[in-house]
């Protein structure tokens, strides 16, 4: 079977990246497969290529709407018409039409929540399923960094679909998480392809600052001098918006903010402008970048403290997919750990919410609002509602699960703190965290080993309007230029 010719004719690539061909041959050989491939190594090809050689539809379970949209749009741009994403972006009429003609689609992207809806699952059961794909499979494990309760029962969904050939994909998972993936999906003698999380072309730097103001100024300096394009990650929508505006006032490249508060059409526009080089810097929350096919991102900066090492690696892995030198910078000020600690606490229900939910007598759908739950807190409570226990016993059991989960997340945060404050090689510490062997020293590794940040800066400083004009004059200049262009 000449996979290389299919790779060339269908995808336009001359060769496979590390791990891709081995995973594809495993699936074509009929083996359930777990693949851990680093961010940026083309995991989606591992199910898209064999789909053309397998009978039936490919069901792709994906955790994020934005990720589904990115992947379906990319496939359509490549000429694949038999692809659809069953999500809330479809109107009721569009969804019903799609479900009536589901057999027309080779690739069906769906969220785990929607897959659990009886009517939708019944329609999918009528299909011949050639491959069942679980993307971001670490979400299955309660020890995964982005645990989603709905993922836990995907094994039951597989059974109801007749245990189809399955591929579980992730970029960052410890051995414990990988064991959970195989266990909960009930994979049969799975082939495992585990590749290093190391990305040698990405240099690491932790830049410690004395105050929030100093951190902002350093960020602006990096944005001015580093090679573009780049992504700056924030933990809050407001901070992303404010910094994007400030960078625009500074005249730094074309900058945009991206987060869940931006409407759908605008998000798609920003993604396309970034991909085609019309935007140089994105100030974003964590969802941005998943599934976006842009190989030449030169830097990723974290303004806020990451929740854990796994998500940090996912985000910095969006840089340097072309194999060229790139840099990951984490700006740190003492006390930065407090914000992620607050975020961790907001993800899980309080003891009072658990107690109130156990005795809730009204419509379950109303509980989310009546109890003041976030979507994540409600999802957690709703998942464990199925435990058939007396009210008081249920409260104690769910509170215990919640406390265990909270303690785990706090340990993860502590491990991230240790990495930031450590005086050991940052790359070696990451490899140690994932149980990988030591990596031979290389140039431009990290700030501990020593490297020249100048290697990642623009060779010639471009004089910018904002450097010679006050901010309000700069804004007027932009308005006049737009008026002239539109006139």
Protein backbone atom coordinates (compact mmCIF):
# COMPACT_ATOMS: atom_id res chain seq x y z
CA UNK A 1 0.00 0.00 0.00
CA UNK A 2 1.63 3.22 -1.17
CA UNK A 3 0.73 5.63 1.60
CA UNK A 4 3.18 8.24 0.29
CA UNK A 5 1.27 8.67 -2.96
CA UNK A 6 -1.98 9.20 -1.00
CA UNK A 7 -0.15 11.65 1.24
CA UNK A 8 0.96 13.61 -1.82
CA UNK A 9 -2.26 13.52 -3.85
CA UNK A 10 -4.71 14.10 -0.99
CA UNK A 11 -2.68 16.36 1.31
CA UNK A 12 0.15 17.75 -0.80
CA UNK A 13 2.94 16.54 1.52
CA UNK A 14 6.09 14.79 0.34
CA UNK A 15 6.79 12.90 3.54
CA UNK A 16 5.27 11.92 6.87
CA UNK A 17 6.21 13.59 10.12
CA UNK A 18 7.48 11.54 13.01
CA UNK A 19 4.90 9.02 14.21
CA UNK A 20 2.24 9.65 11.57
CA UNK A 21 2.94 6.67 9.30
CA UNK A 22 3.29 4.22 12.21
CA UNK A 23 -0.08 5.28 13.66
CA UNK A 24 -1.78 5.09 10.26
CA UNK A 25 -0.43 1.59 9.54
CA UNK A 26 -1.58 0.45 12.98
CA UNK A 27 -5.14 1.56 12.20
CA UNK A 28 -5.10 0.05 8.72
CA UNK A 29 -4.00 -3.17 10.38
CA UNK A 30 -7.19 -3.11 12.44
CA UNK A 31 -5.65 -2.26 15.85
CA UNK A 32 -7.13 0.14 18.37
CA UNK A 33 -4.46 2.77 18.78
CA UNK A 34 -3.29 5.32 21.35
CA UNK A 35 -1.03 8.03 19.93
CA UNK A 36 0.75 10.70 21.92
CA UNK A 37 2.30 13.07 19.42
CA UNK A 38 3.65 16.53 20.30
CA UNK A 39 1.57 19.60 19.49
CA UNK A 40 2.30 20.69 15.95
CA UNK A 41 3.21 17.29 14.51
CA UNK A 42 0.00 16.84 12.54
CA UNK A 43 -2.18 14.53 14.65
CA UNK A 44 -5.24 15.11 12.45
CA UNK A 45 -3.52 13.43 9.48
CA UNK A 46 -3.46 10.21 11.52
CA UNK A 47 -7.22 9.79 11.05
CA UNK A 48 -7.81 11.80 7.89
CA UNK A 49 -5.52 9.72 5.66
CA UNK A 50 -6.70 6.23 6.72
CA UNK A 51 -10.29 7.44 6.33
CA UNK A 52 -9.81 7.29 2.56
CA UNK A 53 -8.81 3.62 2.84
CA UNK A 54 -11.42 2.48 5.36
CA UNK A 55 -15.10 1.84 4.67
CA UNK A 56 -17.68 3.90 6.49
CA UNK A 57 -17.77 7.21 8.30
CA UNK A 58 -15.19 8.64 10.68
CA UNK A 59 -16.61 9.98 13.95
CA UNK A 60 -14.29 12.54 15.57
CA UNK A 61 -15.09 13.43 19.19
CA UNK A 62 -13.64 16.85 19.97
CA UNK A 63 -13.91 18.94 23.16
CA UNK A 64 -13.99 22.46 21.71
CA UNK A 65 -16.31 24.12 19.22
CA UNK A 66 -13.47 26.31 17.95
CA UNK A 67 -11.29 23.25 17.37
CA UNK A 68 -14.05 21.51 15.41
CA UNK A 69 -14.62 24.60 13.29
CA UNK A 70 -10.91 25.02 12.57
CA UNK A 71 -10.53 21.42 11.45
CA UNK A 72 -13.67 21.29 9.31
CA UNK A 73 -12.82 24.60 7.62
CA UNK A 74 -9.29 23.41 6.86
CA UNK A 75 -10.63 20.20 5.33
CA UNK A 76 -13.13 22.12 3.20
CA UNK A 77 -10.37 24.44 2.00
CA UNK A 78 -8.43 21.34 0.97
CA UNK A 79 -11.39 20.27 -1.13
CA UNK A 80 -13.06 17.75 1.21
CA UNK A 81 -16.79 18.35 0.95
CA UNK A 82 -18.14 15.38 2.93
CA UNK A 83 -17.33 16.85 6.35
CA UNK A 84 -19.59 18.35 9.00
CA UNK A 85 -19.38 19.53 12.59
CA UNK A 86 -22.48 18.75 14.64
CA UNK A 87 -22.42 21.59 17.13
CA UNK A 88 -24.29 24.68 18.31
CA UNK A 89 -23.04 26.71 15.33
CA UNK A 90 -25.70 24.91 13.26
CA UNK A 91 -29.24 26.24 13.35
CA UNK A 92 -31.98 23.82 14.37
CA UNK A 93 -33.00 23.38 10.72
CA UNK A 94 -29.41 22.83 9.58
CA UNK A 95 -28.83 20.24 12.27
CA UNK A 96 -32.03 18.35 11.47
CA UNK A 97 -31.17 18.32 7.76
CA UNK A 98 -27.65 17.09 8.52
CA UNK A 99 -28.96 14.31 10.77
CA UNK A 100 -31.42 13.14 8.09
CA UNK A 101 -28.58 12.85 5.57
CA UNK A 102 -25.76 11.84 7.91
CA UNK A 103 -24.70 8.96 5.67
CA UNK A 104 -23.49 11.49 3.11
CA UNK A 105 -20.63 12.60 5.33
CA UNK A 106 -17.29 10.83 5.56
CA UNK A 107 -16.08 12.96 8.49
CA UNK A 108 -18.41 13.83 11.36
CA UNK A 109 -17.05 16.04 14.16
CA UNK A 110 -19.07 16.06 17.37
CA UNK A 111 -18.73 17.06 21.01
CA UNK A 112 -19.06 14.37 23.71
CA UNK A 113 -22.07 16.21 25.14
CA UNK A 114 -23.95 16.11 21.83
CA UNK A 115 -22.92 12.50 21.22
CA UNK A 116 -24.70 11.55 24.45
CA UNK A 117 -28.02 12.98 23.27
CA UNK A 118 -30.23 9.91 22.60
CA UNK A 119 -31.70 11.15 19.30
CA UNK A 120 -28.30 12.07 17.83
CA UNK A 121 -26.71 8.84 19.05
CA UNK A 122 -29.56 6.85 17.48
CA UNK A 123 -28.84 8.48 14.11
CA UNK A 124 -25.14 7.72 14.37
CA UNK A 125 -25.90 4.08 15.23
CA UNK A 126 -27.45 3.74 11.77
CA UNK A 127 -24.11 4.51 10.10
CA UNK A 128 -21.32 2.18 9.13
CA UNK A 129 -18.48 3.50 11.28
CA UNK A 130 -15.03 2.87 9.90
CA UNK A 131 -13.14 4.75 12.61
CA UNK A 132 -14.00 6.30 15.98
CA UNK A 133 -11.56 9.06 16.96
CA UNK A 134 -11.21 10.66 20.39
CA UNK A 135 -9.24 13.89 20.04
CA UNK A 136 -7.66 15.47 23.13
CA UNK A 137 -8.10 12.07 24.77
CA UNK A 138 -6.48 13.19 28.04
CA UNK A 139 -9.90 14.74 28.82
CA UNK A 140 -11.05 11.19 29.61
CA UNK A 141 -8.90 10.88 32.72
CA UNK A 142 -9.73 12.68 35.94
CA UNK A 143 -5.95 13.08 36.18
CA UNK A 144 -5.80 14.72 32.78
CA UNK A 145 -5.23 18.46 32.82
CA UNK A 146 -8.50 19.23 31.00
CA UNK A 147 -10.81 16.60 32.50
CA UNK A 148 -14.31 16.54 30.99
CA UNK A 149 -16.78 14.26 32.82
CA UNK A 150 -18.67 13.56 29.57
CA UNK A 151 -15.55 11.89 28.18
CA UNK A 152 -15.64 9.21 30.89
CA UNK A 153 -18.62 7.45 29.34
CA UNK A 154 -17.26 7.35 25.78
CA UNK A 155 -16.47 3.69 26.42
CA UNK A 156 -20.21 3.08 26.83
CA UNK A 157 -20.85 4.99 23.61
CA UNK A 158 -18.31 2.78 21.83
CA UNK A 159 -20.15 -0.31 23.04
CA UNK A 160 -23.47 1.01 21.76
CA UNK A 161 -21.82 1.63 18.37
CA UNK A 162 -20.49 -1.92 18.16
CA UNK A 163 -16.93 -1.27 19.41
CA UNK A 164 -15.60 0.29 16.17
CA UNK A 165 -11.89 0.66 15.41
CA UNK A 166 -10.70 3.49 17.65
CA UNK A 167 -7.90 6.05 17.69
CA UNK A 168 -7.19 8.06 20.87
CA UNK A 169 -5.05 11.17 20.29
CA UNK A 170 -3.28 13.44 22.76
CA UNK A 171 -0.20 15.64 22.86
CA UNK A 172 0.63 15.60 26.55
CA UNK A 173 -0.27 12.77 28.92
CA UNK A 174 1.57 11.14 31.78
CA UNK A 175 1.69 7.35 32.05
CA UNK A 176 -1.19 7.39 34.54
CA UNK A 177 -3.37 9.38 32.14
CA UNK A 178 -2.50 7.08 29.22
CA UNK A 179 -3.57 4.06 31.29
CA UNK A 180 -6.89 5.76 32.06
CA UNK A 181 -7.50 6.50 28.36
CA UNK A 182 -7.13 2.82 27.44
CA UNK A 183 -9.18 1.70 30.43
CA UNK A 184 -12.18 4.01 30.04
CA UNK A 185 -12.35 3.66 26.25
CA UNK A 186 -12.04 -0.12 26.70
CA UNK A 187 -9.47 -0.34 23.91
CA UNK A 188 -8.68 -3.93 22.91
CA UNK A 189 -4.93 -4.72 23.04
CA UNK A 190 -4.16 -1.20 21.82
CA UNK A 191 -1.03 -0.32 19.92
CA UNK A 192 0.67 2.58 21.71
CA UNK A 193 2.80 5.17 19.98
CA UNK A 194 4.32 7.50 22.56
CA UNK A 195 6.67 10.17 21.30
CA UNK A 196 8.71 12.72 23.21
CA UNK A 197 7.09 15.99 24.25
CA UNK A 198 10.40 17.71 23.51
CA UNK A 199 10.43 20.38 20.81
CA UNK A 200 14.16 21.14 20.39
CA UNK A 201 13.62 24.22 18.22
CA UNK A 202 11.70 26.05 20.97
CA UNK A 203 13.83 27.91 23.53
CA UNK A 204 12.42 28.50 27.04
CA UNK A 205 12.70 31.68 29.06
CA UNK A 206 11.16 32.64 32.40
CA UNK A 207 11.40 36.40 32.84
CA UNK A 208 10.90 37.45 36.47
CA UNK A 209 9.52 40.94 37.06
CA UNK A 210 9.18 42.98 40.21
CA UNK A 211 5.70 44.34 39.63
CA UNK A 212 2.66 44.13 37.40
CA UNK A 213 3.63 47.39 35.70
CA UNK A 214 7.12 46.08 34.94
CA UNK A 215 5.56 42.91 33.54
CA UNK A 216 3.41 44.97 31.17
CA UNK A 217 6.38 47.01 30.01
CA UNK A 218 8.45 43.90 29.37
CA UNK A 219 5.60 42.39 27.39
CA UNK A 220 5.37 45.48 25.21
CA UNK A 221 9.15 45.42 24.68
CA UNK A 222 9.01 41.78 23.58
CA UNK A 223 6.09 42.52 21.27
CA UNK A 224 8.09 45.29 19.63
CA UNK A 225 11.32 43.38 19.15
CA UNK A 226 10.51 39.68 18.64
CA UNK A 227 10.00 38.22 15.18
CA UNK A 228 6.35 37.90 14.24
CA UNK A 229 3.86 36.29 14.21
CA UNK A 230 3.24 35.48 17.83
CA UNK A 231 0.62 34.59 20.43
CA UNK A 232 0.30 36.13 23.90
CA UNK A 233 -1.80 34.09 26.32
CA UNK A 234 -3.89 35.55 29.15
CA UNK A 235 -6.14 33.98 31.75
CA UNK A 236 -8.85 36.63 31.39
CA UNK A 237 -10.77 38.05 28.45
CA UNK A 238 -10.50 41.57 29.84
CA UNK A 239 -6.70 41.44 30.10
CA UNK A 240 -6.44 40.10 26.53
CA UNK A 241 -8.66 42.92 25.23
CA UNK A 242 -6.83 45.65 27.13
CA UNK A 243 -3.37 44.51 26.06
CA UNK A 244 -4.41 44.13 22.42
CA UNK A 245 -5.66 47.71 22.49
CA UNK A 246 -2.49 48.95 24.15
CA UNK A 247 -0.28 47.19 21.61
CA UNK A 248 -2.31 48.76 18.80
CA UNK A 249 -1.76 52.18 20.36
CA UNK A 250 1.95 51.40 20.47
CA UNK A 251 1.81 50.71 16.73
CA UNK A 252 3.05 47.15 17.13
CA UNK A 253 2.20 45.05 14.08
CA UNK A 254 -1.49 44.37 13.59
CA UNK A 255 -2.86 43.07 16.86
CA UNK A 256 -6.19 41.44 17.75
CA UNK A 257 -7.86 39.92 20.82
CA UNK A 258 -9.41 36.46 20.65
CA UNK A 259 -11.58 34.81 23.30
CA UNK A 260 -15.03 33.28 23.79
CA UNK A 261 -16.58 36.73 24.21
CA UNK A 262 -15.77 37.65 20.60
CA UNK A 263 -18.67 36.74 18.31
CA UNK A 264 -18.32 33.73 16.04
CA UNK A 265 -17.94 35.57 12.72
CA UNK A 266 -15.30 37.89 14.16
CA UNK A 267 -13.36 34.94 15.63
CA UNK A 268 -13.29 33.20 12.24
CA UNK A 269 -12.15 36.44 10.58
CA UNK A 270 -9.35 36.91 13.13
CA UNK A 271 -8.19 33.32 12.63
CA UNK A 272 -8.04 33.74 8.86
CA UNK A 273 -6.26 37.11 9.11
CA UNK A 274 -3.70 35.57 11.45
CA UNK A 275 -3.16 32.52 9.22
CA UNK A 276 -2.59 34.71 6.15
CA UNK A 277 -0.28 37.19 7.86
CA UNK A 278 -2.63 40.17 8.10
CA UNK A 279 -2.44 40.04 11.91
CA UNK A 280 0.97 39.76 13.57
CA UNK A 281 0.05 39.26 17.24
CA UNK A 282 -2.94 37.60 18.88
CA UNK A 283 -3.78 38.34 22.52
CA UNK A 284 -5.80 35.31 23.47
CA UNK A 285 -7.21 33.01 26.07
CA UNK A 286 -6.25 29.34 26.00
CA UNK A 287 -8.70 28.16 23.30
CA UNK A 288 -6.89 30.03 20.54
CA UNK A 289 -4.47 28.06 18.43
CA UNK A 290 -5.99 24.58 18.77
CA UNK A 291 -6.28 23.14 15.29
CA UNK A 292 -5.02 26.30 13.57
CA UNK A 293 -2.74 25.34 10.73
CA UNK A 294 -0.02 27.98 10.98
CA UNK A 295 3.54 26.70 10.95
CA UNK A 296 5.54 29.92 11.29
CA UNK A 297 4.54 31.22 14.74
CA UNK A 298 7.83 32.55 16.13
CA UNK A 299 6.93 33.24 19.77
CA UNK A 300 4.43 32.35 22.47
CA UNK A 301 4.32 34.50 25.60
CA UNK A 302 2.38 33.71 28.77
CA UNK A 303 1.37 36.83 30.64
CA UNK A 304 -0.50 34.92 33.34
CA UNK A 305 0.64 31.85 35.24
CA UNK A 306 -0.27 28.48 33.62
CA UNK A 307 -2.40 26.03 35.59
CA UNK A 308 -0.15 23.03 34.91
CA UNK A 309 2.74 21.80 32.80
CA UNK A 310 0.56 19.85 30.34
CA UNK A 311 -1.51 22.83 29.19
CA UNK A 312 1.61 25.02 29.12
CA UNK A 313 3.29 22.61 26.69
CA UNK A 314 0.15 22.47 24.56
CA UNK A 315 0.15 26.24 24.21
CA UNK A 316 3.85 26.81 23.58
CA UNK A 317 3.72 23.91 21.11
CA UNK A 318 1.86 26.18 18.71
CA UNK A 319 5.18 27.88 17.98
CA UNK A 320 7.76 26.70 15.49
CA UNK A 321 5.81 23.98 13.73
CA UNK A 322 8.00 24.65 10.68
CA UNK A 323 11.01 23.44 12.68
CA UNK A 324 12.66 26.88 12.73
CA UNK A 325 13.93 28.58 15.92
CA UNK A 326 11.14 29.90 18.12
CA UNK A 327 10.85 31.07 21.72
CA UNK A 328 8.46 30.54 24.64
CA UNK A 329 8.52 33.22 27.33
CA UNK A 330 6.72 33.09 30.67
CA UNK A 331 6.48 36.44 32.48
CA UNK A 332 6.42 35.91 36.23
CA UNK A 333 5.82 38.19 39.20
CA UNK A 334 5.75 36.88 42.77
CA UNK A 335 2.15 36.08 43.69
CA UNK A 336 1.08 35.19 40.14
CA UNK A 337 -0.01 31.76 41.42
CA UNK A 338 -3.03 33.30 43.18
CA UNK A 339 -5.02 33.84 39.96
CA UNK A 340 -4.80 30.22 38.73
CA UNK A 341 -5.63 29.08 42.25
CA UNK A 342 -8.84 31.11 42.04
CA UNK A 343 -9.56 29.63 38.61
CA UNK A 344 -9.09 26.11 39.97
CA UNK A 345 -11.55 26.78 42.78
CA UNK A 346 -14.12 28.23 40.35
CA UNK A 347 -14.02 25.09 38.16
CA UNK A 348 -15.38 22.84 40.89
CA UNK A 349 -18.59 23.25 42.92
CA UNK A 350 -18.48 24.45 46.49
CA UNK A 351 -19.63 22.19 49.32
CA UNK A 352 -22.81 24.26 49.67
CA UNK A 353 -23.58 23.88 45.94
CA UNK A 354 -23.08 20.11 46.20
CA UNK A 355 -25.42 19.89 49.19
CA UNK A 356 -28.04 22.07 47.50
CA UNK A 357 -27.87 20.07 44.27
CA UNK A 358 -28.34 16.77 46.09
CA UNK A 359 -31.67 17.98 47.44
CA UNK A 360 -32.77 19.90 44.36
CA UNK A 361 -36.43 19.20 43.59
CA UNK A 362 -36.98 21.51 40.63
CA UNK A 363 -36.06 21.16 36.98
CA UNK A 364 -32.43 20.04 36.80
CA UNK A 365 -31.80 22.56 34.02
CA UNK A 366 -32.75 25.39 36.39
CA UNK A 367 -30.25 24.28 39.03
CA UNK A 368 -27.28 25.78 37.17
CA UNK A 369 -28.72 29.27 37.54
CA UNK A 370 -30.48 28.87 40.89
CA UNK A 371 -27.34 27.59 42.60
CA UNK A 372 -25.04 30.13 40.93
CA UNK A 373 -22.99 27.43 39.18
CA UNK A 374 -20.58 28.03 36.36
CA UNK A 375 -20.97 25.76 33.34
CA UNK A 376 -18.04 23.63 34.53
CA UNK A 377 -19.42 23.31 38.07
CA UNK A 378 -22.83 22.30 36.75
CA UNK A 379 -21.29 19.77 34.37
CA UNK A 380 -19.44 18.19 37.30
CA UNK A 381 -22.61 17.97 39.42
CA UNK A 382 -24.76 16.68 36.59
CA UNK A 383 -22.25 13.93 35.75
CA UNK A 384 -22.20 12.58 39.31
CA UNK A 385 -25.96 12.89 39.70
CA UNK A 386 -26.17 9.39 38.20
CA UNK A 387 -24.65 7.91 41.37
CA UNK A 388 -27.58 6.08 42.92
CA UNK A 389 -27.11 7.00 46.58
CA UNK A 390 -29.26 8.47 49.38
CA UNK A 391 -29.15 12.26 49.46
CA UNK A 392 -26.78 12.67 52.40
CA UNK A 393 -24.50 9.87 51.24
CA UNK A 394 -24.43 11.35 47.70
CA UNK A 395 -23.39 14.73 49.11
CA UNK A 396 -20.50 13.19 51.05
CA UNK A 397 -19.37 11.07 48.09
CA UNK A 398 -19.38 13.94 45.56
CA UNK A 399 -17.71 16.28 48.05
CA UNK A 400 -14.96 13.69 48.48
CA UNK A 401 -14.48 13.41 44.70
CA UNK A 402 -14.41 17.19 44.48
CA UNK A 403 -11.80 17.48 47.26
CA UNK A 404 -9.59 14.85 45.62
CA UNK A 405 -9.81 16.65 42.29
CA UNK A 406 -9.04 20.00 43.94
CA UNK A 407 -5.99 18.59 45.72
CA UNK A 408 -4.72 17.16 42.45
CA UNK A 409 -5.07 20.48 40.63
CA UNK A 410 -3.24 22.27 43.43
CA UNK A 411 -0.39 19.75 43.18
CA UNK A 412 -0.19 20.45 39.46
CA UNK A 413 0.03 24.17 40.14
CA UNK A 414 2.80 23.57 42.69
CA UNK A 415 4.73 21.57 40.12
CA UNK A 416 4.47 24.51 37.72
CA UNK A 417 5.73 26.82 40.46
CA UNK A 418 8.68 24.51 41.04
CA UNK A 419 9.55 24.60 37.33
CA UNK A 420 9.46 28.40 37.26
CA UNK A 421 11.67 28.77 40.34
CA UNK A 422 14.05 25.90 39.59
CA UNK A 423 17.66 26.58 38.67
CA UNK A 424 17.90 23.33 36.67
CA UNK A 425 17.66 23.19 32.87
CA UNK A 426 14.03 23.90 31.99
CA UNK A 427 13.96 21.37 29.14
CA UNK A 428 15.39 18.60 31.32
CA UNK A 429 12.82 19.37 34.02
CA UNK A 430 9.99 19.01 31.51
CA UNK A 431 11.33 15.67 30.28
CA UNK A 432 11.74 14.48 33.86
CA UNK A 433 8.12 15.46 34.57
CA UNK A 434 6.91 13.19 31.75
CA UNK A 435 9.27 10.37 32.69
CA UNK A 436 11.45 10.76 29.61
CA UNK A 437 15.22 10.25 29.48
CA UNK A 438 17.54 13.24 29.65
CA UNK A 439 18.12 15.24 26.49
CA UNK A 440 21.66 15.96 25.35
CA UNK A 441 22.53 19.62 25.79
CA UNK A 442 21.99 21.90 22.84
CA UNK A 443 22.48 25.54 22.00
CA UNK A 444 19.65 27.96 22.68
CA UNK A 445 17.97 25.65 25.17
CA UNK A 446 16.71 27.89 27.96
CA UNK A 447 17.54 30.88 30.13
CA UNK A 448 19.16 28.61 32.72
CA UNK A 449 21.55 27.06 30.20
CA UNK A 450 22.01 30.45 28.57
CA UNK A 451 21.08 31.73 25.12
CA UNK A 452 20.90 34.97 23.19
CA UNK A 453 17.36 36.36 23.01
CA UNK A 454 18.59 38.49 20.13
CA UNK A 455 18.41 35.40 17.91
CA UNK A 456 14.63 35.65 18.08
CA UNK A 457 14.38 39.39 17.47
CA UNK A 458 13.75 41.28 14.26
CA UNK A 459 17.06 41.88 12.54
CA UNK A 460 16.22 45.50 11.83
CA UNK A 461 14.13 47.58 14.14
CA UNK A 462 11.20 48.91 12.13
CA UNK A 463 10.44 52.53 12.98
CA UNK A 464 6.84 52.73 14.03
CA UNK A 465 4.51 55.68 13.95
CA UNK A 466 3.69 55.21 17.63
CA UNK A 467 7.32 55.71 18.63
CA UNK A 468 7.28 59.28 17.36
CA UNK A 469 3.69 60.34 18.01
CA UNK A 470 1.51 60.51 21.11
CA UNK A 471 -1.13 57.79 21.26
CA UNK A 472 -4.01 60.12 20.30
CA UNK A 473 -2.08 61.46 17.26
CA UNK A 474 -1.37 57.89 16.22
CA UNK A 475 -5.08 57.03 16.38
CA UNK A 476 -5.94 60.07 14.24
CA UNK A 477 -3.33 59.04 11.69
CA UNK A 478 -4.91 55.58 11.43
CA UNK A 479 -8.41 57.05 11.02
CA UNK A 480 -7.24 59.43 8.28
CA UNK A 481 -5.44 56.65 6.44
CA UNK A 482 -8.55 54.43 6.54
CA UNK A 483 -10.69 57.34 5.30
CA UNK A 484 -8.34 57.91 2.39
CA UNK A 485 -8.34 54.20 1.51
CA UNK A 486 -12.14 54.02 1.64
CA UNK A 487 -12.61 57.29 -0.20
